[in-house]
PDB file of N, CA and C in Angstrom:
ATOM      1  N   UNK A   1       1.022  -1.123  -0.070  1.00  0.00           N
ATOM      2  CA  UNK A   1      -0.052  -0.309  -0.255  1.00  0.00           C
ATOM      3  C   UNK A   1       0.548   1.044   0.152  1.00  0.00           C
ATOM      4  N   UNK A   2       0.456   2.125  -1.061  1.00  0.00           N
ATOM      5  CA  UNK A   2       1.476   3.235  -1.092  1.00  0.00           C
ATOM      6  C   UNK A   2       1.247   4.592  -0.126  1.00  0.00           C
ATOM      7  N   UNK A   3       1.985   5.288   0.765  1.00  0.00           N
ATOM      8  CA  UNK A   3       1.777   6.256   1.757  1.00  0.00           C
ATOM      9  C   UNK A   3       1.735   7.605   0.785  1.00  0.00           C
ATOM     10  N   UNK A   4       0.994   8.448   1.074  1.00  0.00           N
ATOM     11  CA  UNK A   4       1.005   9.683   0.328  1.00  0.00           C
ATOM     12  C   UNK A   4       1.625  10.851   1.791  1.00  0.00           C
ATOM     13  N   UNK A   5       2.941  11.736   1.981  1.00  0.00           N
ATOM     14  CA  UNK A   5       3.135  12.118   2.477  1.00  0.00           C
ATOM     15  C   UNK A   5       2.980  13.844   2.292  1.00  0.00           C
ATOM     16  N   UNK A   6       2.271  14.559   2.610  1.00  0.00           N
ATOM     17  CA  UNK A   6       1.940  15.954   1.751  1.00  0.00           C
ATOM     18  C   UNK A   6       3.024  16.857   2.483  1.00  0.00           C
ATOM     19  N   UNK A   7       3.819  17.618   1.501  1.00  0.00           N
ATOM     20  CA  UNK A   7       5.149  18.133   2.015  1.00  0.00           C
ATOM     21  C   UNK A   7       4.661  19.866   2.679  1.00  0.00           C
ATOM     22  N   UNK A   8       5.084  19.962   3.739  1.00  0.00           N
ATOM     23  CA  UNK A   8       5.138  21.424   4.204  1.00  0.00           C
ATOM     24  C   UNK A   8       4.861  22.511   3.187  1.00  0.00           C
ATOM     25  N   UNK A   9       4.443  23.791   3.297  1.00  0.00           N
ATOM     26  CA  UNK A   9       4.981  24.678   2.553  1.00  0.00           C
ATOM     27  C   UNK A   9       5.813  25.687   3.240  1.00  0.00           C
ATOM     28  N   UNK A  10       6.071  25.754   4.852  1.00  0.00           N
ATOM     29  CA  UNK A  10       6.729  26.332   5.293  1.00  0.00           C
ATOM     30  C   UNK A  10       8.211  26.044   5.317  1.00  0.00           C
ATOM     31  N   UNK A  11       9.119  26.910   5.824  1.00  0.00           N
ATOM     32  CA  UNK A  11      10.804  26.587   5.664  1.00  0.00           C
ATOM     33  C   UNK A  11      11.462  27.322   6.680  1.00  0.00           C
ATOM     34  N   UNK A  12      12.576  26.536   7.278  1.00  0.00           N
ATOM     35  CA  UNK A  12      13.248  27.650   7.699  1.00  0.00           C
ATOM     36  C   UNK A  12      13.934  28.580   7.112  1.00  0.00           C
ATOM     37  N   UNK A  13      14.619  29.345   7.395  1.00  0.00           N
ATOM     38  CA  UNK A  13      14.938  30.427   6.536  1.00  0.00           C
ATOM     39  C   UNK A  13      16.094  31.320   7.567  1.00  0.00           C
ATOM     40  N   UNK A  14      17.500  30.959   6.851  1.00  0.00           N
ATOM     41  CA  UNK A  14      18.406  31.903   7.493  1.00  0.00           C
ATOM     42  C   UNK A  14      18.494  32.891   7.178  1.00  0.00           C
ATOM     43  N   UNK A  15      18.804  34.528   8.190  1.00  0.00           N
ATOM     44  CA  UNK A  15      19.099  35.241   8.299  1.00  0.00           C
ATOM     45  C   UNK A  15      20.442  36.382   9.247  1.00  0.00           C
ATOM     46  N   UNK A  16      20.105  36.907   8.573  1.00  0.00           N
ATOM     47  CA  UNK A  16      21.565  38.067   8.949  1.00  0.00           C
ATOM     48  C   UNK A  16      20.932  39.238   9.984  1.00  0.00           C
ATOM     49  N   UNK A  17      21.121  39.626  11.123  1.00  0.00           N
ATOM     50  CA  UNK A  17      20.671  40.727  11.413  1.00  0.00           C
ATOM     51  C   UNK A  17      21.363  42.023  10.857  1.00  0.00           C
ATOM     52  N   UNK A  18      20.058  43.029  10.651  1.00  0.00           N
ATOM     53  CA  UNK A  18      20.860  44.112   9.987  1.00  0.00           C
ATOM     54  C   UNK A  18      21.950  45.073  10.672  1.00  0.00           C
ATOM     55  N   UNK A  19      21.625  44.613  12.061  1.00  0.00           N
ATOM     56  CA  UNK A  19      22.208  45.908  13.387  1.00  0.00           C
ATOM     57  C   UNK A  19      23.000  45.383  13.732  1.00  0.00           C
ATOM     58  N   UNK A  20      23.152  44.188  14.079  1.00  0.00           N
ATOM     59  CA  UNK A  20      24.908  43.596  14.547  1.00  0.00           C
ATOM     60  C   UNK A  20      25.201  42.372  13.734  1.00  0.00           C
ATOM     61  N   UNK A  21      24.925  41.676  12.448  1.00  0.00           N
ATOM     62  CA  UNK A  21      25.165  41.093  11.653  1.00  0.00           C
ATOM     63  C   UNK A  21      25.350  39.511  12.041  1.00  0.00           C
ATOM     64  N   UNK A  22      24.448  38.873  13.111  1.00  0.00           N
ATOM     65  CA  UNK A  22      24.598  38.165  13.711  1.00  0.00           C
ATOM     66  C   UNK A  22      23.190  36.916  12.596  1.00  0.00           C
ATOM     67  N   UNK A  23      23.908  36.072  12.431  1.00  0.00           N
ATOM     68  CA  UNK A  23      23.184  34.954  11.692  1.00  0.00           C
ATOM     69  C   UNK A  23      22.497  33.775  12.374  1.00  0.00           C
ATOM     70  N   UNK A  24      21.240  33.855  12.186  1.00  0.00           N
ATOM     71  CA  UNK A  24      20.654  32.760  13.041  1.00  0.00           C
ATOM     72  C   UNK A  24      19.219  32.202  11.726  1.00  0.00           C
ATOM     73  N   UNK A  25      18.679  31.172  12.618  1.00  0.00           N
ATOM     74  CA  UNK A  25      17.607  30.547  11.530  1.00  0.00           C
ATOM     75  C   UNK A  25      16.449  30.633  12.513  1.00  0.00           C
ATOM     76  N   UNK A  26      15.454  30.854  11.221  1.00  0.00           N
ATOM     77  CA  UNK A  26      13.982  31.406  12.258  1.00  0.00           C
ATOM     78  C   UNK A  26      13.374  30.450  11.542  1.00  0.00           C
ATOM     79  N   UNK A  27      12.097  30.397  11.335  1.00  0.00           N
ATOM     80  CA  UNK A  27      10.881  29.854  10.957  1.00  0.00           C
ATOM     81  C   UNK A  27      10.053  30.649   9.907  1.00  0.00           C
ATOM     82  N   UNK A  28       9.858  30.039   8.756  1.00  0.00           N
ATOM     83  CA  UNK A  28       9.124  31.169   7.758  1.00  0.00           C
ATOM     84  C   UNK A  28       7.955  31.733   8.280  1.00  0.00           C
ATOM     85  N   UNK A  29       7.167  30.676   9.089  1.00  0.00           N
ATOM     86  CA  UNK A  29       5.145  31.344   9.317  1.00  0.00           C
ATOM     87  C   UNK A  29       5.193  31.507  10.826  1.00  0.00           C
ATOM     88  N   UNK A  30       6.323  32.854  11.158  1.00  0.00           N
ATOM     89  CA  UNK A  30       6.055  32.964  12.740  1.00  0.00           C
ATOM     90  C   UNK A  30       4.738  33.212  13.636  1.00  0.00           C
ATOM     91  N   UNK A  31       4.382  32.857  14.342  1.00  0.00           N
ATOM     92  CA  UNK A  31       3.280  33.289  15.545  1.00  0.00           C
ATOM     93  C   UNK A  31       3.523  34.299  16.301  1.00  0.00           C
ATOM     94  N   UNK A  32       4.797  34.543  16.974  1.00  0.00           N
ATOM     95  CA  UNK A  32       5.125  35.981  17.303  1.00  0.00           C
ATOM     96  C   UNK A  32       6.432  36.524  17.018  1.00  0.00           C
ATOM     97  N   UNK A  33       7.046  37.472  17.333  1.00  0.00           N
ATOM     98  CA  UNK A  33       7.431  38.108  17.197  1.00  0.00           C
ATOM     99  C   UNK A  33       9.217  37.167  17.548  1.00  0.00           C
ATOM    100  N   UNK A  34       9.905  37.247  16.272  1.00  0.00           N
ATOM    101  CA  UNK A  34      11.251  36.671  16.444  1.00  0.00           C
ATOM    102  C   UNK A  34      12.213  37.641  16.357  1.00  0.00           C
ATOM    103  N   UNK A  35      12.862  37.659  17.855  1.00  0.00           N
ATOM    104  CA  UNK A  35      14.158  39.062  17.859  1.00  0.00           C
ATOM    105  C   UNK A  35      15.787  38.505  17.632  1.00  0.00           C
ATOM    106  N   UNK A  36      16.691  39.140  17.514  1.00  0.00           N
ATOM    107  CA  UNK A  36      18.348  38.771  17.353  1.00  0.00           C
ATOM    108  C   UNK A  36      18.440  37.942  18.946  1.00  0.00           C
ATOM    109  N   UNK A  37      19.201  36.858  18.531  1.00  0.00           N
ATOM    110  CA  UNK A  37      19.466  36.558  20.210  1.00  0.00           C
ATOM    111  C   UNK A  37      20.388  37.472  20.707  1.00  0.00           C
ATOM    112  N   UNK A  38      21.522  38.148  19.945  1.00  0.00           N
ATOM    113  CA  UNK A  38      22.513  39.164  20.468  1.00  0.00           C
ATOM    114  C   UNK A  38      21.900  40.764  20.633  1.00  0.00           C
ATOM    115  N   UNK A  39      21.714  41.374  19.766  1.00  0.00           N
ATOM    116  CA  UNK A  39      20.898  42.644  20.027  1.00  0.00           C
ATOM    117  C   UNK A  39      19.855  43.008  20.520  1.00  0.00           C
ATOM    118  N   UNK A  40      19.069  41.703  20.167  1.00  0.00           N
ATOM    119  CA  UNK A  40      17.295  41.755  20.485  1.00  0.00           C
ATOM    120  C   UNK A  40      16.489  42.671  19.670  1.00  0.00           C
ATOM    121  N   UNK A  41      17.173  42.886  18.396  1.00  0.00           N
ATOM    122  CA  UNK A  41      16.449  43.486  17.326  1.00  0.00           C
ATOM    123  C   UNK A  41      15.423  42.726  16.708  1.00  0.00           C
ATOM    124  N   UNK A  42      14.108  43.262  16.639  1.00  0.00           N
ATOM    125  CA  UNK A  42      13.154  42.387  15.756  1.00  0.00           C
ATOM    126  C   UNK A  42      13.574  42.260  14.557  1.00  0.00           C
ATOM    127  N   UNK A  43      13.403  40.757  14.070  1.00  0.00           N
ATOM    128  CA  UNK A  43      13.908  40.230  12.744  1.00  0.00           C
ATOM    129  C   UNK A  43      12.463  39.869  11.972  1.00  0.00           C
ATOM    130  N   UNK A  44      11.660  39.427  12.700  1.00  0.00           N
ATOM    131  CA  UNK A  44      10.619  38.594  12.171  1.00  0.00           C
ATOM    132  C   UNK A  44       9.375  39.462  12.787  1.00  0.00           C
ATOM    133  N   UNK A  45       8.489  39.526  11.931  1.00  0.00           N
ATOM    134  CA  UNK A  45       6.941  39.563  13.005  1.00  0.00           C
ATOM    135  C   UNK A  45       5.498  38.945  12.059  1.00  0.00           C
ATOM    136  N   UNK A  46       4.764  38.123  12.621  1.00  0.00           N
ATOM    137  CA  UNK A  46       3.657  37.291  12.637  1.00  0.00           C
ATOM    138  C   UNK A  46       2.758  37.901  11.673  1.00  0.00           C
ATOM    139  N   UNK A  47       2.094  38.134  10.441  1.00  0.00           N
ATOM    140  CA  UNK A  47       1.401  38.548   9.655  1.00  0.00           C
ATOM    141  C   UNK A  47      -0.032  37.869   9.514  1.00  0.00           C
ATOM    142  N   UNK A  48      -0.120  36.778   9.836  1.00  0.00           N
ATOM    143  CA  UNK A  48      -1.452  35.677   9.806  1.00  0.00           C
ATOM    144  C   UNK A  48      -1.010  34.780   8.623  1.00  0.00           C
ATOM    145  N   UNK A  49       0.412  34.709   8.354  1.00  0.00           N
ATOM    146  CA  UNK A  49       0.468  34.074   7.137  1.00  0.00           C
ATOM    147  C   UNK A  49       2.007  33.732   7.594  1.00  0.00           C
ATOM    148  N   UNK A  50       2.771  33.907   6.315  1.00  0.00           N
ATOM    149  CA  UNK A  50       4.046  33.943   6.350  1.00  0.00           C
ATOM    150  C   UNK A  50       4.598  35.017   6.985  1.00  0.00           C
ATOM    151  N   UNK A  51       5.884  34.884   7.390  1.00  0.00           N
ATOM    152  CA  UNK A  51       6.001  36.026   8.794  1.00  0.00           C
ATOM    153  C   UNK A  51       6.875  37.105   8.006  1.00  0.00           C
ATOM    154  N   UNK A  52       6.628  38.495   8.575  1.00  0.00           N
ATOM    155  CA  UNK A  52       7.196  39.780   7.765  1.00  0.00           C
ATOM    156  C   UNK A  52       8.726  40.181   8.175  1.00  0.00           C
ATOM    157  N   UNK A  53       9.752  39.488   7.705  1.00  0.00           N
ATOM    158  CA  UNK A  53      11.018  39.444   8.047  1.00  0.00           C
ATOM    159  C   UNK A  53      11.661  40.770   7.375  1.00  0.00           C
ATOM    160  N   UNK A  54      12.086  41.046   8.622  1.00  0.00           N
ATOM    161  CA  UNK A  54      12.742  42.544   8.582  1.00  0.00           C
ATOM    162  C   UNK A  54      14.395  42.599   8.432  1.00  0.00           C
ATOM    163  N   UNK A  55      15.004  41.251   8.081  1.00  0.00           N
ATOM    164  CA  UNK A  55      16.636  41.029   8.221  1.00  0.00           C
ATOM    165  C   UNK A  55      16.882  40.541   6.312  1.00  0.00           C
ATOM    166  N   UNK A  56      17.762  40.377   6.618  1.00  0.00           N
ATOM    167  CA  UNK A  56      18.584  39.976   5.028  1.00  0.00           C
ATOM    168  C   UNK A  56      18.123  38.183   5.167  1.00  0.00           C
ATOM    169  N   UNK A  57      17.926  37.825   4.156  1.00  0.00           N
ATOM    170  CA  UNK A  57      17.274  36.421   4.181  1.00  0.00           C
ATOM    171  C   UNK A  57      18.665  35.882   3.353  1.00  0.00           C
ATOM    172  N   UNK A  58      19.430  34.981   3.668  1.00  0.00           N
ATOM    173  CA  UNK A  58      20.663  34.743   3.110  1.00  0.00           C
ATOM    174  C   UNK A  58      20.361  33.236   2.544  1.00  0.00           C
ATOM    175  N   UNK A  59      19.720  32.281   3.037  1.00  0.00           N
ATOM    176  CA  UNK A  59      19.509  30.897   2.416  1.00  0.00           C
ATOM    177  C   UNK A  59      17.872  30.345   3.115  1.00  0.00           C
ATOM    178  N   UNK A  60      17.204  29.602   2.127  1.00  0.00           N
ATOM    179  CA  UNK A  60      15.812  29.341   2.458  1.00  0.00           C
ATOM    180  C   UNK A  60      16.439  27.479   2.782  1.00  0.00           C
ATOM    181  N   UNK A  61      15.888  27.057   4.192  1.00  0.00           N
ATOM    182  CA  UNK A  61      16.884  25.948   3.993  1.00  0.00           C
ATOM    183  C   UNK A  61      15.293  24.992   3.881  1.00  0.00           C
ATOM    184  N   UNK A  62      15.683  23.821   3.372  1.00  0.00           N
ATOM    185  CA  UNK A  62      14.506  22.465   2.938  1.00  0.00           C
ATOM    186  C   UNK A  62      14.327  22.036   3.782  1.00  0.00           C
TER     187      UNK A  62
END
């Protein structure tokens, strides 16, 4: 019997903080604010769907 697996549409994203240049990995669909672990600047905000990313996206991780 063949099993079907749905692939998620959300991804993890590697971003760089515009203030301190720290790189960290965040989830693409955030449900709360994501802040930089070094300088506490907001990197992504929830919008009801995909997060509004306020940092430079370096790579989308699959």
